PDB file of all heavy atoms in Angstrom:
ATOM      1  N   PHE A   1      -7.442 -10.765   0.351  1.00  0.00           N
ATOM      2  CA  PHE A   1      -7.003 -11.839  -0.528  1.00  0.00           C
ATOM      3  C   PHE A   1      -7.826 -11.938  -1.793  1.00  0.00           C
ATOM      4  O   PHE A   1      -7.657 -12.918  -2.534  1.00  0.00           O
ATOM      5  CB  PHE A   1      -6.979 -13.168   0.217  1.00  0.00           C
ATOM      6  CG  PHE A   1      -6.138 -13.116   1.497  1.00  0.00           C
ATOM      7  CD1 PHE A   1      -6.713 -13.246   2.750  1.00  0.00           C
ATOM      8  CD2 PHE A   1      -4.777 -12.905   1.417  1.00  0.00           C
ATOM      9  CE1 PHE A   1      -5.934 -13.193   3.895  1.00  0.00           C
ATOM     10  CE2 PHE A   1      -3.981 -12.853   2.568  1.00  0.00           C
ATOM     11  CZ  PHE A   1      -4.594 -12.987   3.783  1.00  0.00           C
ATOM     12  N   THR A   2      -8.683 -10.985  -2.021  1.00  0.00           N
ATOM     13  CA  THR A   2      -9.543 -11.009  -3.205  1.00  0.00           C
ATOM     14  C   THR A   2      -9.216  -9.832  -4.091  1.00  0.00           C
ATOM     15  O   THR A   2      -9.379  -8.672  -3.674  1.00  0.00           O
ATOM     16  CB  THR A   2     -11.026 -10.909  -2.814  1.00  0.00           C
ATOM     17  OG1 THR A   2     -11.315 -11.974  -1.891  1.00  0.00           O
ATOM     18  CG2 THR A   2     -11.948 -11.031  -4.014  1.00  0.00           C
ATOM     19  N   PRO A   3      -8.657 -10.070  -5.266  1.00  0.00           N
ATOM     20  CA  PRO A   3      -8.353  -8.943  -6.146  1.00  0.00           C
ATOM     21  C   PRO A   3      -9.600  -8.138  -6.470  1.00  0.00           C
ATOM     22  O   PRO A   3     -10.671  -8.720  -6.610  1.00  0.00           O
ATOM     23  CB  PRO A   3      -7.788  -9.615  -7.399  1.00  0.00           C
ATOM     24  CG  PRO A   3      -7.449 -11.002  -7.017  1.00  0.00           C
ATOM     25  CD  PRO A   3      -8.356 -11.365  -5.856  1.00  0.00           C
ATOM     26  N   PRO A   4      -9.470  -6.844  -6.580  1.00  0.00           N
ATOM     27  CA  PRO A   4     -10.630  -6.009  -6.899  1.00  0.00           C
ATOM     28  C   PRO A   4     -11.179  -6.323  -8.283  1.00  0.00           C
ATOM     29  O   PRO A   4     -10.405  -6.567  -9.214  1.00  0.00           O
ATOM     30  CB  PRO A   4     -10.130  -4.570  -6.831  1.00  0.00           C
ATOM     31  CG  PRO A   4      -8.627  -4.691  -6.968  1.00  0.00           C
ATOM     32  CD  PRO A   4      -8.258  -6.024  -6.458  1.00  0.00           C
ATOM     33  N   ALA A   5     -12.492  -6.311  -8.402  1.00  0.00           N
ATOM     34  CA  ALA A   5     -13.146  -6.666  -9.659  1.00  0.00           C
ATOM     35  C   ALA A   5     -13.356  -5.471 -10.567  1.00  0.00           C
ATOM     36  O   ALA A   5     -13.277  -5.576 -11.787  1.00  0.00           O
ATOM     37  CB  ALA A   5     -14.498  -7.336  -9.405  1.00  0.00           C
ATOM     38  N   ASP A   6     -13.569  -4.293  -9.968  1.00  0.00           N
ATOM     39  CA  ASP A   6     -13.874  -3.111 -10.809  1.00  0.00           C
ATOM     40  C   ASP A   6     -12.597  -2.352 -11.183  1.00  0.00           C
ATOM     41  O   ASP A   6     -11.634  -2.371 -10.449  1.00  0.00           O
ATOM     42  CB  ASP A   6     -14.877  -2.204 -10.093  1.00  0.00           C
ATOM     43  CG  ASP A   6     -14.331  -1.624  -8.835  1.00  0.00           C
ATOM     44  OD1 ASP A   6     -14.260  -2.367  -7.796  1.00  0.00           O
ATOM     45  OD2 ASP A   6     -13.928  -0.449  -8.863  1.00  0.00           O
ATOM     46  N   GLU A   7     -12.667  -1.677 -12.317  1.00  0.00           N
ATOM     47  CA  GLU A   7     -11.487  -1.007 -12.846  1.00  0.00           C
ATOM     48  C   GLU A   7     -11.014   0.156 -11.957  1.00  0.00           C
ATOM     49  O   GLU A   7      -9.802   0.360 -11.835  1.00  0.00           O
ATOM     50  CB  GLU A   7     -11.790  -0.494 -14.257  1.00  0.00           C
ATOM     51  CG  GLU A   7     -11.877  -1.596 -15.282  1.00  0.00           C
ATOM     52  CD  GLU A   7     -12.057  -1.067 -16.688  1.00  0.00           C
ATOM     53  OE1 GLU A   7     -11.666   0.076 -16.974  1.00  0.00           O
ATOM     54  OE2 GLU A   7     -12.597  -1.825 -17.521  1.00  0.00           O
ATOM     55  N   ALA A   8     -11.932   0.908 -11.375  1.00  0.00           N
ATOM     56  CA  ALA A   8     -11.548   2.001 -10.520  1.00  0.00           C
ATOM     57  C   ALA A   8     -10.735   1.533  -9.321  1.00  0.00           C
ATOM     58  O   ALA A   8      -9.699   2.141  -8.968  1.00  0.00           O
ATOM     59  CB  ALA A   8     -12.773   2.785 -10.062  1.00  0.00           C
ATOM     60  N   THR A   9     -11.156   0.460  -8.690  1.00  0.00           N
ATOM     61  CA  THR A   9     -10.407  -0.077  -7.549  1.00  0.00           C
ATOM     62  C   THR A   9      -9.106  -0.690  -7.974  1.00  0.00           C
ATOM     63  O   THR A   9      -8.102  -0.586  -7.278  1.00  0.00           O
ATOM     64  CB  THR A   9     -11.285  -1.098  -6.788  1.00  0.00           C
ATOM     65  OG1 THR A   9     -12.555  -0.479  -6.474  1.00  0.00           O
ATOM     66  CG2 THR A   9     -10.623  -1.514  -5.504  1.00  0.00           C
ATOM     67  N   GLN A  10      -9.060  -1.317  -9.144  1.00  0.00           N
ATOM     68  CA  GLN A  10      -7.803  -1.846  -9.671  1.00  0.00           C
ATOM     69  C   GLN A  10      -6.795  -0.722  -9.891  1.00  0.00           C
ATOM     70  O   GLN A  10      -5.618  -0.855  -9.588  1.00  0.00           O
ATOM     71  CB  GLN A  10      -8.048  -2.598 -10.959  1.00  0.00           C
ATOM     72  CG  GLN A  10      -8.790  -3.908 -10.791  1.00  0.00           C
ATOM     73  CD  GLN A  10      -9.213  -4.536 -12.120  1.00  0.00           C
ATOM     74  OE1 GLN A  10      -8.981  -4.027 -13.188  1.00  0.00           O
ATOM     75  NE2 GLN A  10      -9.896  -5.669 -12.002  1.00  0.00           N
ATOM     76  N   ALA A  11      -7.277   0.406 -10.432  1.00  0.00           N
ATOM     77  CA  ALA A  11      -6.409   1.552 -10.672  1.00  0.00           C
ATOM     78  C   ALA A  11      -5.900   2.120  -9.355  1.00  0.00           C
ATOM     79  O   ALA A  11      -4.725   2.462  -9.230  1.00  0.00           O
ATOM     80  CB  ALA A  11      -7.126   2.626 -11.454  1.00  0.00           C
ATOM     81  N   LEU A  12      -6.755   2.187  -8.366  1.00  0.00           N
ATOM     82  CA  LEU A  12      -6.345   2.657  -7.041  1.00  0.00           C
ATOM     83  C   LEU A  12      -5.305   1.733  -6.435  1.00  0.00           C
ATOM     84  O   LEU A  12      -4.299   2.181  -5.881  1.00  0.00           O
ATOM     85  CB  LEU A  12      -7.574   2.774  -6.121  1.00  0.00           C
ATOM     86  CG  LEU A  12      -7.281   3.252  -4.712  1.00  0.00           C
ATOM     87  CD1 LEU A  12      -6.666   4.651  -4.701  1.00  0.00           C
ATOM     88  CD2 LEU A  12      -8.590   3.270  -3.892  1.00  0.00           C
ATOM     89  N   GLN A  13      -5.541   0.445  -6.547  1.00  0.00           N
ATOM     90  CA  GLN A  13      -4.570  -0.540  -6.010  1.00  0.00           C
ATOM     91  C   GLN A  13      -3.215  -0.412  -6.724  1.00  0.00           C
ATOM     92  O   GLN A  13      -2.192  -0.497  -6.073  1.00  0.00           O
ATOM     93  CB  GLN A  13      -5.095  -1.959  -6.159  1.00  0.00           C
ATOM     94  CG  GLN A  13      -4.192  -2.970  -5.463  1.00  0.00           C
ATOM     95  CD  GLN A  13      -4.735  -4.384  -5.532  1.00  0.00           C
ATOM     96  OE1 GLN A  13      -5.046  -4.877  -6.595  1.00  0.00           O
ATOM     97  NE2 GLN A  13      -4.871  -4.986  -4.361  1.00  0.00           N
ATOM     98  N   ALA A  14      -3.225  -0.191  -8.017  1.00  0.00           N
ATOM     99  CA  ALA A  14      -1.976  -0.003  -8.736  1.00  0.00           C
ATOM    100  C   ALA A  14      -1.206   1.225  -8.210  1.00  0.00           C
ATOM    101  O   ALA A  14       0.026   1.143  -8.043  1.00  0.00           O
ATOM    102  CB  ALA A  14      -2.241   0.151 -10.241  1.00  0.00           C
ATOM    103  N   ARG A  15      -1.932   2.275  -7.876  1.00  0.00           N
ATOM    104  CA  ARG A  15      -1.276   3.455  -7.324  1.00  0.00           C
ATOM    105  C   ARG A  15      -0.734   3.148  -5.928  1.00  0.00           C
ATOM    106  O   ARG A  15       0.374   3.557  -5.575  1.00  0.00           O
ATOM    107  CB  ARG A  15      -2.274   4.617  -7.211  1.00  0.00           C
ATOM    108  CG  ARG A  15      -2.567   5.245  -8.544  1.00  0.00           C
ATOM    109  CD  ARG A  15      -3.504   6.431  -8.447  1.00  0.00           C
ATOM    110  NE  ARG A  15      -2.996   7.438  -7.566  1.00  0.00           N
ATOM    111  CZ  ARG A  15      -3.743   8.303  -6.892  1.00  0.00           C
ATOM    112  NH1 ARG A  15      -5.052   8.247  -6.975  1.00  0.00           N
ATOM    113  NH2 ARG A  15      -3.198   9.222  -6.099  1.00  0.00           N
ATOM    114  N   VAL A  16      -1.474   2.397  -5.124  1.00  0.00           N
ATOM    115  CA  VAL A  16      -1.032   2.044  -3.778  1.00  0.00           C
ATOM    116  C   VAL A  16       0.246   1.192  -3.833  1.00  0.00           C
ATOM    117  O   VAL A  16       1.143   1.361  -2.999  1.00  0.00           O
ATOM    118  CB  VAL A  16      -2.144   1.298  -3.023  1.00  0.00           C
ATOM    119  CG1 VAL A  16      -1.625   0.680  -1.732  1.00  0.00           C
ATOM    120  CG2 VAL A  16      -3.285   2.237  -2.716  1.00  0.00           C
ATOM    121  N   PHE A  17       0.345   0.313  -4.816  1.00  0.00           N
ATOM    122  CA  PHE A  17       1.508  -0.564  -4.939  1.00  0.00           C
ATOM    123  C   PHE A  17       2.650   0.134  -5.668  1.00  0.00           C
ATOM    124  O   PHE A  17       3.732  -0.432  -5.833  1.00  0.00           O
ATOM    125  CB  PHE A  17       1.144  -1.850  -5.660  1.00  0.00           C
ATOM    126  CG  PHE A  17       0.312  -2.784  -4.804  1.00  0.00           C
ATOM    127  CD1 PHE A  17      -0.404  -3.791  -5.408  1.00  0.00           C
ATOM    128  CD2 PHE A  17       0.268  -2.674  -3.437  1.00  0.00           C
ATOM    129  CE1 PHE A  17      -1.201  -4.671  -4.650  1.00  0.00           C
ATOM    130  CE2 PHE A  17      -0.515  -3.548  -2.652  1.00  0.00           C
ATOM    131  CZ  PHE A  17      -1.229  -4.533  -3.290  1.00  0.00           C
ATOM    132  N   GLY A  18       2.438   1.361  -6.167  1.00  0.00           N
ATOM    133  CA  GLY A  18       3.478   2.069  -6.906  1.00  0.00           C
ATOM    134  C   GLY A  18       4.430   2.820  -5.985  1.00  0.00           C
ATOM    135  O   GLY A  18       4.353   2.744  -4.778  1.00  0.00           O
ATOM    136  N   ALA A  19       5.293   3.595  -6.616  1.00  0.00           N
ATOM    137  CA  ALA A  19       6.326   4.349  -5.894  1.00  0.00           C
ATOM    138  C   ALA A  19       5.639   5.497  -5.140  1.00  0.00           C
ATOM    139  O   ALA A  19       4.632   6.051  -5.528  1.00  0.00           O
ATOM    140  CB  ALA A  19       7.320   4.897  -6.885  1.00  0.00           C
ATOM    141  N   LEU A  20       6.271   5.824  -4.011  1.00  0.00           N
ATOM    142  CA  LEU A  20       5.849   6.974  -3.212  1.00  0.00           C
ATOM    143  C   LEU A  20       6.796   8.122  -3.545  1.00  0.00           C
ATOM    144  O   LEU A  20       8.016   7.956  -3.426  1.00  0.00           O
ATOM    145  CB  LEU A  20       5.887   6.611  -1.725  1.00  0.00           C
ATOM    146  CG  LEU A  20       4.891   5.516  -1.356  1.00  0.00           C
ATOM    147  CD1 LEU A  20       5.210   4.909  -0.009  1.00  0.00           C
ATOM    148  CD2 LEU A  20       3.461   6.078  -1.355  1.00  0.00           C
ATOM    149  N   THR A  21       6.243   9.243  -3.928  1.00  0.00           N
ATOM    150  CA  THR A  21       7.071  10.300  -4.495  1.00  0.00           C
ATOM    151  C   THR A  21       7.317  11.485  -3.549  1.00  0.00           C
ATOM    152  O   THR A  21       7.832  12.502  -3.969  1.00  0.00           O
ATOM    153  CB  THR A  21       6.387  10.836  -5.800  1.00  0.00           C
ATOM    154  OG1 THR A  21       5.088  11.316  -5.473  1.00  0.00           O
ATOM    155  CG2 THR A  21       6.273   9.760  -6.838  1.00  0.00           C
ATOM    156  N   VAL A  22       6.938  11.348  -2.312  1.00  0.00           N
ATOM    157  CA  VAL A  22       7.183  12.372  -1.324  1.00  0.00           C
ATOM    158  C   VAL A  22       8.163  11.855  -0.273  1.00  0.00           C
ATOM    159  O   VAL A  22       8.222  10.651  -0.013  1.00  0.00           O
ATOM    160  CB  VAL A  22       5.866  12.832  -0.655  1.00  0.00           C
ATOM    161  CG1 VAL A  22       4.942  13.463  -1.658  1.00  0.00           C
ATOM    162  CG2 VAL A  22       5.192  11.707   0.062  1.00  0.00           C
ATOM    163  N   PRO A  23       8.942  12.748   0.323  1.00  0.00           N
ATOM    164  CA  PRO A  23       9.792  12.280   1.436  1.00  0.00           C
ATOM    165  C   PRO A  23       8.931  11.598   2.468  1.00  0.00           C
ATOM    166  O   PRO A  23       7.842  12.078   2.783  1.00  0.00           O
ATOM    167  CB  PRO A  23      10.402  13.594   1.970  1.00  0.00           C
ATOM    168  CG  PRO A  23      10.264  14.579   0.878  1.00  0.00           C
ATOM    169  CD  PRO A  23       9.023  14.199   0.097  1.00  0.00           C
ATOM    170  N   SER A  24       9.420  10.496   3.005  1.00  0.00           N
ATOM    171  CA  SER A  24       8.585   9.667   3.877  1.00  0.00           C
ATOM    172  C   SER A  24       9.321   9.223   5.122  1.00  0.00           C
ATOM    173  O   SER A  24      10.529   9.020   5.129  1.00  0.00           O
ATOM    174  CB  SER A  24       8.081   8.435   3.119  1.00  0.00           C
ATOM    175  OG  SER A  24       7.337   8.809   1.979  1.00  0.00           O
ATOM    176  N   LEU A  25       8.534   9.017   6.186  1.00  0.00           N
ATOM    177  CA  LEU A  25       9.003   8.497   7.457  1.00  0.00           C
ATOM    178  C   LEU A  25       8.245   7.236   7.707  1.00  0.00           C
ATOM    179  O   LEU A  25       7.035   7.192   7.556  1.00  0.00           O
ATOM    180  CB  LEU A  25       8.734   9.513   8.576  1.00  0.00           C
ATOM    181  CG  LEU A  25       8.955   9.030  10.015  1.00  0.00           C
ATOM    182  CD1 LEU A  25      10.418   8.780  10.266  1.00  0.00           C
ATOM    183  CD2 LEU A  25       8.406  10.081  10.995  1.00  0.00           C
ATOM    184  N   TYR A  26       8.952   6.163   8.086  1.00  0.00           N
ATOM    185  CA  TYR A  26       8.324   4.904   8.429  1.00  0.00           C
ATOM    186  C   TYR A  26       8.840   4.495   9.825  1.00  0.00           C
ATOM    187  O   TYR A  26      10.058   4.444  10.064  1.00  0.00           O
ATOM    188  CB  TYR A  26       8.660   3.812   7.402  1.00  0.00           C
ATOM    189  CG  TYR A  26       8.007   2.502   7.758  1.00  0.00           C
ATOM    190  CD1 TYR A  26       6.688   2.260   7.539  1.00  0.00           C
ATOM    191  CD2 TYR A  26       8.776   1.513   8.412  1.00  0.00           C
ATOM    192  CE1 TYR A  26       6.080   1.077   7.918  1.00  0.00           C
ATOM    193  CE2 TYR A  26       8.173   0.317   8.787  1.00  0.00           C
ATOM    194  CZ  TYR A  26       6.845   0.104   8.526  1.00  0.00           C
ATOM    195  OH  TYR A  26       6.251  -1.077   8.907  1.00  0.00           O
ATOM    196  N   LEU A  27       7.901   4.195  10.742  1.00  0.00           N
ATOM    197  CA  LEU A  27       8.227   3.776  12.092  1.00  0.00           C
ATOM    198  C   LEU A  27       7.719   2.375  12.315  1.00  0.00           C
ATOM    199  O   LEU A  27       6.614   2.023  11.893  1.00  0.00           O
ATOM    200  CB  LEU A  27       7.582   4.720  13.109  1.00  0.00           C
ATOM    201  CG  LEU A  27       7.928   6.217  12.985  1.00  0.00           C
ATOM    202  CD1 LEU A  27       7.036   7.034  13.878  1.00  0.00           C
ATOM    203  CD2 LEU A  27       9.388   6.435  13.378  1.00  0.00           C
ATOM    204  N   HIS A  28       8.513   1.568  13.030  1.00  0.00           N
ATOM    205  CA  HIS A  28       8.115   0.211  13.310  1.00  0.00           C
ATOM    206  C   HIS A  28       8.669  -0.196  14.695  1.00  0.00           C
ATOM    207  O   HIS A  28       9.829   0.103  15.005  1.00  0.00           O
ATOM    208  CB  HIS A  28       8.701  -0.747  12.245  1.00  0.00           C
ATOM    209  CG  HIS A  28       7.958  -2.030  12.144  1.00  0.00           C
ATOM    210  ND1 HIS A  28       7.201  -2.339  11.031  1.00  0.00           N
ATOM    211  CD2 HIS A  28       7.863  -3.101  12.951  1.00  0.00           C
ATOM    212  CE1 HIS A  28       6.642  -3.535  11.188  1.00  0.00           C
ATOM    213  NE2 HIS A  28       7.027  -4.011  12.351  1.00  0.00           N
ATOM    214  N   GLY A  29       7.879  -0.876  15.498  1.00  0.00           N
ATOM    215  CA  GLY A  29       8.319  -1.331  16.810  1.00  0.00           C
ATOM    216  C   GLY A  29       9.237  -2.522  16.700  1.00  0.00           C
ATOM    217  O   GLY A  29       8.951  -3.482  15.967  1.00  0.00           O
ATOM    218  N   ALA A  30      10.342  -2.469  17.412  1.00  0.00           N
ATOM    219  CA  ALA A  30      11.327  -3.558  17.361  1.00  0.00           C
ATOM    220  C   ALA A  30      10.740  -4.876  17.893  1.00  0.00           C
ATOM    221  O   ALA A  30      11.172  -5.971  17.454  1.00  0.00           O
ATOM    222  CB  ALA A  30      12.550  -3.197  18.190  1.00  0.00           C
ATOM    223  N   ASP A  31       9.722  -4.833  18.754  1.00  0.00           N
ATOM    224  CA  ASP A  31       9.155  -6.018  19.360  1.00  0.00           C
ATOM    225  C   ASP A  31       7.791  -6.388  18.775  1.00  0.00           C
ATOM    226  O   ASP A  31       7.028  -7.092  19.395  1.00  0.00           O
ATOM    227  CB  ASP A  31       9.014  -5.820  20.871  1.00  0.00           C
ATOM    228  CG  ASP A  31      10.348  -5.499  21.537  1.00  0.00           C
ATOM    229  OD1 ASP A  31      11.385  -6.003  21.077  1.00  0.00           O
ATOM    230  OD2 ASP A  31      10.327  -4.729  22.543  1.00  0.00           O
ATOM    231  N   ASP A  32       7.510  -5.889  17.565  1.00  0.00           N
ATOM    232  CA  ASP A  32       6.209  -6.116  16.897  1.00  0.00           C
ATOM    233  C   ASP A  32       6.086  -7.596  16.554  1.00  0.00           C
ATOM    234  O   ASP A  32       6.874  -8.138  15.777  1.00  0.00           O
ATOM    235  CB  ASP A  32       6.145  -5.244  15.664  1.00  0.00           C
ATOM    236  CG  ASP A  32       4.766  -5.264  15.022  1.00  0.00           C
ATOM    237  OD1 ASP A  32       4.021  -6.249  15.209  1.00  0.00           O
ATOM    238  OD2 ASP A  32       4.463  -4.270  14.335  1.00  0.00           O
ATOM    239  N   ASN A  33       5.085  -8.255  17.131  1.00  0.00           N
ATOM    240  CA  ASN A  33       4.817  -9.659  16.827  1.00  0.00           C
ATOM    241  C   ASN A  33       3.573  -9.835  15.970  1.00  0.00           C
ATOM    242  O   ASN A  33       2.946 -10.899  15.991  1.00  0.00           O
ATOM    243  CB  ASN A  33       4.688 -10.464  18.140  1.00  0.00           C
ATOM    244  CG  ASN A  33       6.021 -10.712  18.778  1.00  0.00           C
ATOM    245  OD1 ASN A  33       7.018 -10.911  18.079  1.00  0.00           O
ATOM    246  ND2 ASN A  33       6.061 -10.635  20.064  1.00  0.00           N
ATOM    247  N   CYS A  34       3.208  -8.793  15.288  1.00  0.00           N
ATOM    248  CA  CYS A  34       2.116  -8.814  14.310  1.00  0.00           C
ATOM    249  C   CYS A  34       2.699  -8.710  12.908  1.00  0.00           C
ATOM    250  O   CYS A  34       2.428  -9.567  12.033  1.00  0.00           O
ATOM    251  CB  CYS A  34       1.158  -7.677  14.611  1.00  0.00           C
ATOM    252  SG  CYS A  34      -0.176  -7.506  13.403  1.00  0.00           S
TER     253      CYS A  34
END
């Protein structure tokens, strides 16, 4: 819940929140209560 203070981490976070450019698989449990 704390935004990164340094520029390198901010840039990394921007990449993480950006588009994913490779074919991807996402799995999720139907009964996940987390």
